[in-house]
N, C-alpha and C. Protein backbone atom coordinates (compact mmCIF):
# COMPACT_ATOMS: atom_id res chain seq x y z
N MET A 1 97.32 175.25 156.67
CA MET A 1 97.56 174.18 155.68
C MET A 1 97.03 174.62 154.31
N SER A 2 97.85 174.48 153.27
CA SER A 2 97.45 174.87 151.92
C SER A 2 96.41 173.93 151.36
N VAL A 3 95.77 174.36 150.26
CA VAL A 3 94.77 173.52 149.61
C VAL A 3 95.38 172.21 149.12
N SER A 4 96.59 172.31 148.53
CA SER A 4 97.25 171.10 148.01
C SER A 4 97.60 170.13 149.13
N GLU A 5 98.02 170.68 150.28
CA GLU A 5 98.34 169.83 151.42
C GLU A 5 97.10 169.15 151.97
N THR A 6 95.99 169.88 151.96
CA THR A 6 94.72 169.31 152.42
C THR A 6 94.26 168.18 151.52
N VAL A 7 94.38 168.41 150.19
CA VAL A 7 94.00 167.38 149.22
C VAL A 7 94.86 166.13 149.40
N THR A 8 96.17 166.34 149.54
CA THR A 8 97.09 165.22 149.73
C THR A 8 96.76 164.44 150.99
N ARG A 9 96.47 165.16 152.04
CA ARG A 9 96.14 164.51 153.31
C ARG A 9 94.84 163.73 153.20
N ASN A 10 93.85 164.31 152.52
CA ASN A 10 92.57 163.61 152.33
C ASN A 10 92.74 162.36 151.48
N GLN A 11 93.59 162.45 150.46
CA GLN A 11 93.86 161.29 149.61
C GLN A 11 94.51 160.17 150.41
N ALA A 12 95.47 160.54 151.26
CA ALA A 12 96.16 159.55 152.09
C ALA A 12 95.19 158.88 153.05
N THR A 13 94.30 159.67 153.62
CA THR A 13 93.30 159.12 154.54
C THR A 13 92.38 158.15 153.81
N SER A 14 91.98 158.53 152.59
CA SER A 14 91.11 157.67 151.79
C SER A 14 91.81 156.36 151.44
N GLN A 15 93.09 156.45 151.09
CA GLN A 15 93.86 155.25 150.77
C GLN A 15 93.95 154.32 151.97
N GLN A 16 94.23 154.89 153.13
CA GLN A 16 94.34 154.08 154.34
C GLN A 16 93.01 153.40 154.65
N ARG A 17 91.91 154.11 154.42
CA ARG A 17 90.59 153.54 154.67
C ARG A 17 90.32 152.37 153.73
N CYS A 18 90.66 152.56 152.46
CA CYS A 18 90.45 151.49 151.47
C CYS A 18 91.28 150.26 151.81
N LEU A 19 92.53 150.49 152.21
CA LEU A 19 93.41 149.38 152.59
C LEU A 19 92.88 148.65 153.81
N GLN A 20 92.39 149.41 154.77
CA GLN A 20 91.85 148.80 155.98
C GLN A 20 90.66 147.91 155.66
N VAL A 21 89.77 148.41 154.81
CA VAL A 21 88.60 147.61 154.42
C VAL A 21 89.03 146.34 153.69
N ALA A 22 89.97 146.48 152.74
CA ALA A 22 90.44 145.34 151.95
C ALA A 22 91.09 144.29 152.85
N ASN A 23 91.93 144.75 153.77
CA ASN A 23 92.67 143.81 154.62
C ASN A 23 91.81 143.16 155.69
N GLN A 24 90.63 143.70 155.93
CA GLN A 24 89.72 143.09 156.88
C GLN A 24 88.94 141.92 156.28
N GLN A 25 88.99 141.80 154.96
CA GLN A 25 88.23 140.75 154.29
C GLN A 25 88.90 139.39 154.46
N THR A 26 88.14 138.43 154.94
CA THR A 26 88.67 137.07 155.04
C THR A 26 88.82 136.45 153.67
N ASN A 27 87.83 136.69 152.80
CA ASN A 27 87.85 136.14 151.44
C ASN A 27 87.41 137.22 150.46
N PRO A 28 88.33 138.05 149.98
CA PRO A 28 87.97 139.14 149.08
C PRO A 28 87.46 138.68 147.72
N LEU A 29 87.60 137.40 147.41
CA LEU A 29 87.11 136.89 146.12
C LEU A 29 85.63 136.51 146.19
N SER A 30 85.07 136.42 147.37
CA SER A 30 83.70 135.93 147.53
C SER A 30 82.67 136.81 146.83
N GLU A 31 83.00 138.06 146.58
CA GLU A 31 82.07 138.97 145.91
C GLU A 31 81.96 138.70 144.41
N PHE A 32 82.84 137.85 143.89
CA PHE A 32 82.91 137.68 142.44
C PHE A 32 82.81 136.20 142.05
N PRO A 33 81.61 135.65 142.04
CA PRO A 33 81.41 134.23 141.73
C PRO A 33 81.92 133.83 140.35
N GLU A 34 82.02 134.81 139.43
CA GLU A 34 82.50 134.49 138.08
C GLU A 34 83.96 134.07 138.07
N PHE A 35 84.67 134.29 139.19
CA PHE A 35 86.07 133.91 139.25
C PHE A 35 86.32 132.72 140.17
N LEU A 36 85.26 132.04 140.57
CA LEU A 36 85.42 130.89 141.46
C LEU A 36 85.66 129.59 140.69
N ASN A 37 85.41 129.62 139.38
CA ASN A 37 85.62 128.43 138.55
C ASN A 37 86.22 128.82 137.21
N PHE A 38 87.08 127.94 136.70
CA PHE A 38 87.72 128.17 135.41
C PHE A 38 87.55 126.90 134.56
N THR A 39 87.09 127.08 133.34
CA THR A 39 86.89 125.96 132.42
C THR A 39 87.50 126.27 131.07
N CYS A 40 88.20 125.29 130.50
CA CYS A 40 88.70 125.44 129.13
C CYS A 40 88.72 124.07 128.46
N SER A 41 88.68 124.07 127.15
CA SER A 41 88.64 122.82 126.38
C SER A 41 90.03 122.24 126.20
N GLN A 42 90.11 120.92 126.28
CA GLN A 42 91.36 120.19 126.07
C GLN A 42 91.44 119.72 124.63
N ASN A 43 92.65 119.31 124.23
CA ASN A 43 92.84 118.81 122.86
C ASN A 43 92.04 117.53 122.60
N ASP A 44 91.77 116.77 123.67
CA ASP A 44 91.04 115.52 123.50
C ASP A 44 89.52 115.72 123.52
N GLY A 45 89.09 116.97 123.54
CA GLY A 45 87.66 117.26 123.51
C GLY A 45 87.00 117.37 124.86
N THR A 46 87.73 117.04 125.92
CA THR A 46 87.17 117.14 127.27
C THR A 46 87.41 118.55 127.82
N ASP A 47 86.69 118.88 128.87
CA ASP A 47 86.84 120.19 129.50
C ASP A 47 87.71 120.08 130.74
N LEU A 48 88.60 121.03 130.88
CA LEU A 48 89.41 121.15 132.08
C LEU A 48 88.66 122.06 133.03
N GLN A 49 88.39 121.59 134.24
CA GLN A 49 87.64 122.38 135.20
C GLN A 49 88.45 122.55 136.49
N LEU A 50 88.58 123.79 136.90
CA LEU A 50 89.31 124.11 138.12
C LEU A 50 88.48 125.03 139.00
N LYS A 51 88.68 124.93 140.29
CA LYS A 51 88.04 125.85 141.21
C LYS A 51 89.11 126.75 141.83
N LEU A 52 88.73 127.98 142.10
CA LEU A 52 89.66 128.94 142.69
C LEU A 52 89.21 129.28 144.10
N GLN A 53 90.18 129.33 145.00
CA GLN A 53 89.91 129.68 146.38
C GLN A 53 90.91 130.73 146.84
N CYS A 54 90.42 131.69 147.60
CA CYS A 54 91.27 132.72 148.16
C CYS A 54 91.50 132.41 149.63
N LYS A 55 92.76 132.35 150.03
CA LYS A 55 93.10 131.95 151.40
C LYS A 55 94.13 132.89 152.00
N ARG A 56 94.03 133.08 153.30
CA ARG A 56 95.09 133.74 154.03
C ARG A 56 96.20 132.72 154.30
N LYS A 57 97.39 133.19 154.56
CA LYS A 57 98.49 132.27 154.84
C LYS A 57 98.15 131.37 156.02
N ALA A 58 97.48 131.91 157.03
CA ALA A 58 97.14 131.13 158.22
C ALA A 58 96.20 129.97 157.90
N ASP A 59 95.48 130.06 156.78
CA ASP A 59 94.53 129.01 156.39
C ASP A 59 95.12 128.04 155.36
N MET A 60 96.37 128.25 154.99
CA MET A 60 97.01 127.40 154.00
C MET A 60 97.56 126.14 154.65
N ASP A 61 97.23 124.99 154.09
CA ASP A 61 97.78 123.73 154.55
C ASP A 61 99.30 123.75 154.32
N PRO A 62 100.10 123.31 155.29
CA PRO A 62 101.56 123.28 155.11
C PRO A 62 101.99 122.53 153.85
N LYS A 63 101.25 121.48 153.49
CA LYS A 63 101.58 120.72 152.28
C LYS A 63 101.37 121.59 151.04
N LEU A 64 100.36 122.46 151.09
CA LEU A 64 100.09 123.35 149.96
C LEU A 64 101.20 124.40 149.83
N LEU A 65 101.69 124.89 150.95
CA LEU A 65 102.80 125.85 150.93
C LEU A 65 104.08 125.19 150.41
N LYS A 66 104.29 123.94 150.77
CA LYS A 66 105.46 123.21 150.28
C LYS A 66 105.36 123.02 148.77
N TRP A 67 104.16 122.69 148.29
CA TRP A 67 103.94 122.57 146.84
C TRP A 67 104.22 123.89 146.15
N ALA A 68 103.76 125.02 146.74
CA ALA A 68 103.96 126.33 146.14
C ALA A 68 105.45 126.64 146.00
N PHE A 69 106.22 126.30 147.02
CA PHE A 69 107.67 126.52 146.96
C PHE A 69 108.30 125.68 145.85
N LYS A 70 107.94 124.41 145.79
CA LYS A 70 108.51 123.52 144.78
C LYS A 70 108.15 123.98 143.37
N LEU A 71 106.92 124.47 143.20
CA LEU A 71 106.50 124.94 141.88
C LEU A 71 107.30 126.19 141.49
N ALA A 72 107.48 127.10 142.44
CA ALA A 72 108.29 128.29 142.15
C ALA A 72 109.72 127.90 141.78
N GLU A 73 110.26 126.92 142.50
CA GLU A 73 111.62 126.47 142.21
C GLU A 73 111.72 125.89 140.80
N ARG A 74 110.72 125.11 140.40
CA ARG A 74 110.72 124.53 139.05
C ARG A 74 110.55 125.59 137.97
N ASN A 75 109.64 126.53 138.23
CA ASN A 75 109.30 127.50 137.19
C ASN A 75 110.32 128.62 137.02
N VAL A 76 110.78 129.20 138.14
CA VAL A 76 111.65 130.37 138.03
C VAL A 76 113.02 130.19 138.67
N GLY A 77 113.24 129.03 139.30
CA GLY A 77 114.56 128.76 139.86
C GLY A 77 115.67 128.94 138.85
N PRO A 78 115.53 128.39 137.63
CA PRO A 78 116.60 128.55 136.63
C PRO A 78 116.89 130.01 136.29
N GLN A 79 115.84 130.84 136.20
CA GLN A 79 116.06 132.26 135.89
C GLN A 79 116.77 132.97 137.04
N TYR A 80 116.40 132.61 138.28
CA TYR A 80 117.08 133.21 139.42
C TYR A 80 118.56 132.83 139.44
N ARG A 81 118.83 131.55 139.17
CA ARG A 81 120.22 131.08 139.18
C ARG A 81 121.05 131.73 138.08
N ALA A 82 120.39 132.12 137.00
CA ALA A 82 121.09 132.69 135.85
C ALA A 82 121.33 134.20 135.97
N CYS A 83 120.79 134.82 137.03
CA CYS A 83 120.97 136.26 137.20
C CYS A 83 121.71 136.55 138.50
N SER A 84 121.93 137.82 138.77
CA SER A 84 122.72 138.23 139.93
C SER A 84 122.06 137.89 141.26
N LEU A 85 120.75 137.68 141.27
CA LEU A 85 120.05 137.41 142.53
C LEU A 85 120.35 136.01 143.07
N GLY A 86 120.48 135.05 142.16
CA GLY A 86 120.68 133.67 142.57
C GLY A 86 119.41 133.08 143.18
N TRP A 87 119.35 131.77 143.25
CA TRP A 87 118.19 131.12 143.86
C TRP A 87 118.48 130.92 145.35
N GLN A 88 117.66 131.54 146.21
CA GLN A 88 117.87 131.47 147.65
C GLN A 88 116.65 130.82 148.29
N PRO A 89 116.67 129.50 148.44
CA PRO A 89 115.49 128.76 148.91
C PRO A 89 114.97 129.19 150.28
N LYS A 90 115.86 129.50 151.20
CA LYS A 90 115.39 129.89 152.54
C LYS A 90 114.63 131.21 152.49
N ILE A 91 115.11 132.13 151.66
CA ILE A 91 114.42 133.42 151.53
C ILE A 91 113.07 133.23 150.85
N LYS A 92 113.03 132.39 149.82
CA LYS A 92 111.77 132.13 149.13
C LYS A 92 110.76 131.48 150.07
N GLN A 93 111.19 130.51 150.86
CA GLN A 93 110.30 129.86 151.82
C GLN A 93 109.78 130.85 152.85
N ALA A 94 110.68 131.74 153.31
CA ALA A 94 110.27 132.75 154.29
C ALA A 94 109.25 133.70 153.68
N ASP A 95 109.46 134.07 152.42
CA ASP A 95 108.52 134.97 151.74
C ASP A 95 107.13 134.33 151.63
N LEU A 96 107.10 133.06 151.24
CA LEU A 96 105.82 132.37 151.08
C LEU A 96 105.08 132.20 152.40
N ASN A 97 105.82 132.29 153.50
CA ASN A 97 105.22 132.10 154.82
C ASN A 97 104.99 133.41 155.57
N LYS A 98 105.05 134.53 154.87
CA LYS A 98 104.79 135.81 155.52
C LYS A 98 103.37 135.80 156.10
N PRO A 99 103.19 136.26 157.33
CA PRO A 99 101.87 136.22 157.96
C PRO A 99 100.81 137.04 157.23
N TRP A 100 101.24 138.05 156.48
CA TRP A 100 100.28 138.88 155.76
C TRP A 100 99.90 138.32 154.39
N ALA A 101 100.54 137.28 153.96
CA ALA A 101 100.34 136.77 152.60
C ALA A 101 98.91 136.27 152.37
N ARG A 102 98.42 136.55 151.17
CA ARG A 102 97.15 135.99 150.71
C ARG A 102 97.44 135.15 149.47
N TYR A 103 96.66 134.11 149.29
CA TYR A 103 96.85 133.22 148.15
C TYR A 103 95.56 133.03 147.38
N LEU A 104 95.70 132.98 146.08
CA LEU A 104 94.62 132.55 145.21
C LEU A 104 95.11 131.25 144.59
N VAL A 105 94.42 130.16 144.91
CA VAL A 105 94.87 128.82 144.49
C VAL A 105 93.85 128.19 143.55
N ALA A 106 94.33 127.67 142.44
CA ALA A 106 93.48 126.96 141.48
C ALA A 106 93.71 125.46 141.65
N THR A 107 92.62 124.70 141.79
CA THR A 107 92.70 123.26 142.00
C THR A 107 91.93 122.52 140.92
N ASP A 108 92.54 121.49 140.34
CA ASP A 108 91.88 120.67 139.33
C ASP A 108 90.74 119.89 140.00
N MET A 109 89.53 120.06 139.53
CA MET A 109 88.38 119.43 140.16
C MET A 109 88.32 117.92 139.90
N THR A 110 89.05 117.46 138.89
CA THR A 110 89.08 116.03 138.58
C THR A 110 90.12 115.30 139.42
N THR A 111 91.33 115.82 139.43
CA THR A 111 92.43 115.15 140.14
C THR A 111 92.55 115.61 141.60
N LYS A 112 91.92 116.76 141.92
CA LYS A 112 91.99 117.36 143.26
C LYS A 112 93.40 117.88 143.58
N LYS A 113 94.23 118.01 142.56
CA LYS A 113 95.59 118.51 142.76
C LYS A 113 95.67 120.00 142.45
N PRO A 114 96.50 120.75 143.19
CA PRO A 114 96.65 122.18 142.89
C PRO A 114 97.32 122.37 141.54
N ALA A 115 96.87 123.40 140.82
CA ALA A 115 97.36 123.64 139.46
C ALA A 115 98.12 124.95 139.33
N ALA A 116 97.77 125.94 140.16
CA ALA A 116 98.40 127.26 140.05
C ALA A 116 98.11 128.06 141.31
N TYR A 117 98.92 129.09 141.52
CA TYR A 117 98.66 129.98 142.65
C TYR A 117 99.21 131.37 142.38
N THR A 118 98.63 132.34 143.04
CA THR A 118 99.21 133.67 143.13
C THR A 118 99.34 133.99 144.62
N MET A 119 100.39 134.70 144.97
CA MET A 119 100.56 135.24 146.32
C MET A 119 100.47 136.75 146.19
N PHE A 120 99.61 137.38 146.99
CA PHE A 120 99.42 138.81 146.84
C PHE A 120 99.16 139.48 148.18
N ARG A 121 99.04 140.81 148.11
CA ARG A 121 98.82 141.60 149.32
C ARG A 121 98.22 142.95 148.95
N PHE A 122 97.32 143.45 149.76
CA PHE A 122 96.85 144.83 149.66
C PHE A 122 97.81 145.68 150.47
N ASP A 123 98.41 146.70 149.84
CA ASP A 123 99.50 147.40 150.54
C ASP A 123 99.61 148.84 150.06
N LEU A 124 100.43 149.60 150.76
CA LEU A 124 100.77 150.96 150.37
C LEU A 124 102.17 150.90 149.77
N ASP A 125 102.29 151.30 148.52
CA ASP A 125 103.55 151.18 147.79
C ASP A 125 103.94 152.56 147.25
N TYR A 126 104.99 153.16 147.84
CA TYR A 126 105.42 154.50 147.45
C TYR A 126 104.26 155.49 147.48
N GLY A 127 103.44 155.38 148.52
CA GLY A 127 102.32 156.29 148.69
C GLY A 127 101.09 155.96 147.88
N ARG A 128 101.11 154.81 147.19
CA ARG A 128 99.97 154.40 146.36
C ARG A 128 99.32 153.16 146.96
N SER A 129 98.01 153.13 146.98
CA SER A 129 97.31 151.93 147.43
C SER A 129 97.33 150.93 146.27
N VAL A 130 97.85 149.74 146.54
CA VAL A 130 98.02 148.77 145.45
C VAL A 130 97.67 147.35 145.91
N LEU A 131 97.35 146.53 144.95
CA LEU A 131 97.36 145.09 145.15
C LEU A 131 98.68 144.64 144.56
N TYR A 132 99.57 144.12 145.40
CA TYR A 132 100.89 143.70 144.95
C TYR A 132 100.90 142.19 144.75
N CYS A 133 101.16 141.77 143.53
CA CYS A 133 101.24 140.35 143.18
C CYS A 133 102.70 139.92 143.29
N TYR A 134 103.00 139.10 144.28
CA TYR A 134 104.37 138.66 144.52
C TYR A 134 104.74 137.42 143.71
N GLU A 135 103.75 136.60 143.44
CA GLU A 135 104.00 135.36 142.71
C GLU A 135 102.80 135.02 141.84
N LEU A 136 103.07 134.50 140.66
CA LEU A 136 102.06 133.82 139.85
C LEU A 136 102.76 132.62 139.24
N GLN A 137 102.39 131.43 139.69
CA GLN A 137 103.04 130.21 139.21
C GLN A 137 101.97 129.22 138.76
N VAL A 138 102.18 128.64 137.59
CA VAL A 138 101.25 127.68 137.01
C VAL A 138 101.99 126.39 136.66
N GLU A 139 101.45 125.26 137.06
CA GLU A 139 102.05 123.97 136.71
C GLU A 139 102.14 123.85 135.18
N ALA A 140 103.21 123.20 134.70
CA ALA A 140 103.49 123.12 133.26
C ALA A 140 102.30 122.60 132.46
N GLU A 141 101.60 121.59 132.96
CA GLU A 141 100.51 120.99 132.18
C GLU A 141 99.28 121.90 132.07
N TYR A 142 99.24 122.96 132.88
CA TYR A 142 98.11 123.89 132.84
C TYR A 142 98.47 125.23 132.20
N GLN A 143 99.70 125.35 131.73
CA GLN A 143 100.12 126.60 131.10
C GLN A 143 99.56 126.72 129.69
N ARG A 144 99.49 127.97 129.23
CA ARG A 144 99.01 128.31 127.88
C ARG A 144 97.57 127.85 127.64
N LYS A 145 96.77 127.90 128.68
CA LYS A 145 95.35 127.57 128.57
C LYS A 145 94.47 128.74 129.04
N GLY A 146 95.11 129.86 129.37
CA GLY A 146 94.36 131.02 129.82
C GLY A 146 94.19 131.11 131.33
N LEU A 147 94.71 130.13 132.06
CA LEU A 147 94.52 130.11 133.51
C LEU A 147 95.25 131.26 134.20
N GLY A 148 96.50 131.50 133.82
CA GLY A 148 97.26 132.59 134.43
C GLY A 148 96.60 133.94 134.21
N ALA A 149 96.14 134.17 132.98
CA ALA A 149 95.46 135.43 132.66
C ALA A 149 94.17 135.56 133.46
N PHE A 150 93.45 134.46 133.61
CA PHE A 150 92.20 134.44 134.37
C PHE A 150 92.46 134.81 135.83
N MET A 151 93.53 134.29 136.39
CA MET A 151 93.86 134.59 137.79
C MET A 151 94.30 136.04 137.97
N MET A 152 95.01 136.58 136.99
CA MET A 152 95.39 137.99 137.06
C MET A 152 94.15 138.87 136.96
N LYS A 153 93.19 138.47 136.13
CA LYS A 153 91.94 139.23 136.03
C LYS A 153 91.19 139.22 137.36
N ALA A 154 91.27 138.09 138.07
CA ALA A 154 90.64 138.00 139.39
C ALA A 154 91.29 138.99 140.36
N LEU A 155 92.62 139.08 140.32
CA LEU A 155 93.32 140.04 141.18
C LEU A 155 92.91 141.47 140.82
N GLU A 156 92.82 141.75 139.53
CA GLU A 156 92.43 143.09 139.09
C GLU A 156 91.02 143.44 139.54
N LYS A 157 90.14 142.46 139.49
CA LYS A 157 88.75 142.69 139.92
C LYS A 157 88.71 143.05 141.40
N MET A 158 89.49 142.33 142.21
CA MET A 158 89.55 142.64 143.63
C MET A 158 90.16 144.02 143.87
N ALA A 159 91.21 144.34 143.12
CA ALA A 159 91.86 145.64 143.25
C ALA A 159 90.89 146.77 142.94
N GLN A 160 90.13 146.62 141.87
CA GLN A 160 89.15 147.64 141.49
C GLN A 160 88.06 147.77 142.55
N HIS A 161 87.57 146.63 143.03
CA HIS A 161 86.48 146.62 144.01
C HIS A 161 86.87 147.37 145.29
N PHE A 162 88.12 147.22 145.70
CA PHE A 162 88.57 147.86 146.94
C PHE A 162 89.32 149.17 146.69
N SER A 163 89.14 149.71 145.48
CA SER A 163 89.67 151.04 145.11
C SER A 163 91.18 151.14 145.23
N MET A 164 91.89 150.07 144.88
CA MET A 164 93.34 150.14 144.79
C MET A 164 93.72 150.89 143.51
N GLU A 165 94.76 151.68 143.57
CA GLU A 165 95.17 152.48 142.42
C GLU A 165 95.76 151.63 141.30
N ARG A 166 96.51 150.59 141.69
CA ARG A 166 97.22 149.78 140.70
C ARG A 166 97.35 148.34 141.16
N VAL A 167 97.60 147.46 140.20
CA VAL A 167 98.14 146.14 140.50
C VAL A 167 99.61 146.22 140.13
N VAL A 168 100.46 145.85 141.05
CA VAL A 168 101.92 145.95 140.86
C VAL A 168 102.53 144.57 141.00
N LEU A 169 103.58 144.32 140.25
CA LEU A 169 104.27 143.03 140.32
C LEU A 169 105.74 143.19 139.94
N THR A 170 106.53 142.19 140.27
CA THR A 170 107.94 142.17 139.92
C THR A 170 108.22 140.97 139.05
N VAL A 171 108.99 141.18 137.99
CA VAL A 171 109.33 140.06 137.09
C VAL A 171 110.80 140.17 136.71
N LEU A 172 111.48 139.03 136.67
CA LEU A 172 112.89 139.01 136.28
C LEU A 172 113.04 139.40 134.82
N LYS A 173 114.06 140.18 134.53
CA LYS A 173 114.29 140.62 133.16
C LYS A 173 114.59 139.45 132.22
N ASN A 174 115.23 138.40 132.76
CA ASN A 174 115.56 137.27 131.89
C ASN A 174 114.41 136.28 131.76
N ASN A 175 113.28 136.59 132.39
CA ASN A 175 112.07 135.77 132.24
C ASN A 175 111.26 136.35 131.07
N GLU A 176 111.71 136.07 129.86
CA GLU A 176 111.11 136.69 128.68
C GLU A 176 109.64 136.30 128.50
N ASP A 177 109.31 135.05 128.79
CA ASP A 177 107.91 134.63 128.67
C ASP A 177 107.03 135.39 129.66
N GLY A 178 107.55 135.58 130.87
CA GLY A 178 106.79 136.31 131.89
C GLY A 178 106.58 137.76 131.49
N MET A 179 107.63 138.42 131.01
CA MET A 179 107.53 139.81 130.57
C MET A 179 106.50 139.95 129.46
N ARG A 180 106.56 139.02 128.51
CA ARG A 180 105.62 139.06 127.37
C ARG A 180 104.19 138.82 127.83
N PHE A 181 104.01 137.89 128.75
CA PHE A 181 102.69 137.56 129.29
C PHE A 181 102.05 138.79 129.94
N TYR A 182 102.80 139.47 130.80
CA TYR A 182 102.24 140.62 131.50
C TYR A 182 101.97 141.78 130.54
N ARG A 183 102.81 141.96 129.55
CA ARG A 183 102.58 143.03 128.59
C ARG A 183 101.28 142.79 127.81
N THR A 184 101.01 141.54 127.47
CA THR A 184 99.76 141.25 126.74
C THR A 184 98.53 141.55 127.59
N LEU A 185 98.70 141.57 128.91
CA LEU A 185 97.59 141.88 129.81
C LEU A 185 97.50 143.37 130.12
N GLY A 186 98.38 144.17 129.53
CA GLY A 186 98.31 145.61 129.72
C GLY A 186 99.25 146.18 130.77
N TYR A 187 100.18 145.37 131.25
CA TYR A 187 101.14 145.85 132.26
C TYR A 187 102.34 146.49 131.58
N GLU A 188 102.82 147.57 132.20
CA GLU A 188 103.98 148.29 131.69
C GLU A 188 104.98 148.50 132.81
N VAL A 189 106.21 148.84 132.43
CA VAL A 189 107.24 149.11 133.44
C VAL A 189 106.79 150.27 134.31
N ASP A 190 106.80 150.07 135.61
CA ASP A 190 106.31 151.05 136.56
C ASP A 190 107.33 152.17 136.76
N GLU A 191 106.83 153.34 137.09
CA GLU A 191 107.72 154.49 137.32
C GLU A 191 108.68 154.26 138.47
N MET A 192 108.36 153.32 139.36
CA MET A 192 109.23 153.02 140.49
C MET A 192 110.20 151.88 140.20
N SER A 193 110.20 151.38 138.99
CA SER A 193 111.15 150.33 138.62
C SER A 193 112.57 150.89 138.64
N PRO A 194 113.56 150.07 138.99
CA PRO A 194 114.95 150.57 139.04
C PRO A 194 115.40 151.18 137.72
N ASP A 195 116.20 152.23 137.80
CA ASP A 195 116.76 152.86 136.60
C ASP A 195 117.74 151.90 135.92
N LYS A 196 117.96 152.13 134.64
CA LYS A 196 118.90 151.29 133.89
C LYS A 196 120.29 151.33 134.51
N GLU A 197 120.64 152.49 135.08
CA GLU A 197 121.97 152.63 135.68
C GLU A 197 122.16 151.70 136.88
N GLU A 198 121.03 151.31 137.52
CA GLU A 198 121.11 150.44 138.69
C GLU A 198 121.39 148.99 138.31
N ASN A 199 121.18 148.68 137.03
CA ASN A 199 121.48 147.33 136.52
C ASN A 199 120.80 146.23 137.34
N ALA A 200 119.56 146.46 137.73
CA ALA A 200 118.81 145.47 138.52
C ALA A 200 118.44 144.27 137.65
N ALA A 201 118.26 143.13 138.28
CA ALA A 201 117.92 141.90 137.55
C ALA A 201 116.42 141.78 137.27
N TYR A 202 115.65 142.75 137.75
CA TYR A 202 114.20 142.66 137.63
C TYR A 202 113.59 144.00 137.20
N GLU A 203 112.36 143.93 136.78
CA GLU A 203 111.57 145.11 136.49
C GLU A 203 110.34 145.09 137.40
N ILE A 204 109.89 146.27 137.80
CA ILE A 204 108.60 146.40 138.47
C ILE A 204 107.60 146.82 137.40
N MET A 205 106.52 146.09 137.28
CA MET A 205 105.50 146.41 136.27
C MET A 205 104.19 146.69 137.00
N SER A 206 103.33 147.46 136.36
CA SER A 206 102.06 147.79 136.99
C SER A 206 101.00 148.10 135.95
N LYS A 207 99.76 148.12 136.43
CA LYS A 207 98.62 148.43 135.58
C LYS A 207 97.64 149.27 136.40
N PRO A 208 97.31 150.47 135.93
CA PRO A 208 96.37 151.31 136.69
C PRO A 208 94.97 150.71 136.68
N MET A 209 94.26 150.90 137.79
CA MET A 209 92.92 150.33 137.92
C MET A 209 91.83 151.37 137.67
N PHE A 210 92.21 152.66 137.61
CA PHE A 210 91.24 153.70 137.26
C PHE A 210 91.97 154.95 136.84
């Protein structure tokens, strides 16, 4: 075996070990208390306070999963319907119920109602160990307050802690606000994103963690 083959094999082994450790965690956010609460000022002078919880799909209340689906339908359903993918509710529901899914959920501490969520996974993506963010959805009344950026920072912190190479996500090309949001956080079109010739309705974006 050549030196390069040995290095590649050792890297793959290291990646698998990191993924195994990450996926064994019941609550990977527990190491970072600074991301368990989010506070921002309201226009009326009061503070908006939310708590964040990291849950496996098996620990998600069915009502919470139903809310997540409805929020996704409200937020990105129109963009899906306007592109070649179309809005496919059964597929979206199946995706949200994947047994491997992890959720980061933000709940308003005053109203006790969910305000936002991300669905993510620690995975191997084209030979790279990544934290893959499948969804980030924020209720309209909580948008543009820094909550979405805060939740992405929480994902990045977990990715760094477990030695993931990148945070990767998919965003529809016609979701201009979403594309702009991720770019402001340092995400760029990933090398594995479809070529222009493929005329895909989405881009894969990523951000290196080291």
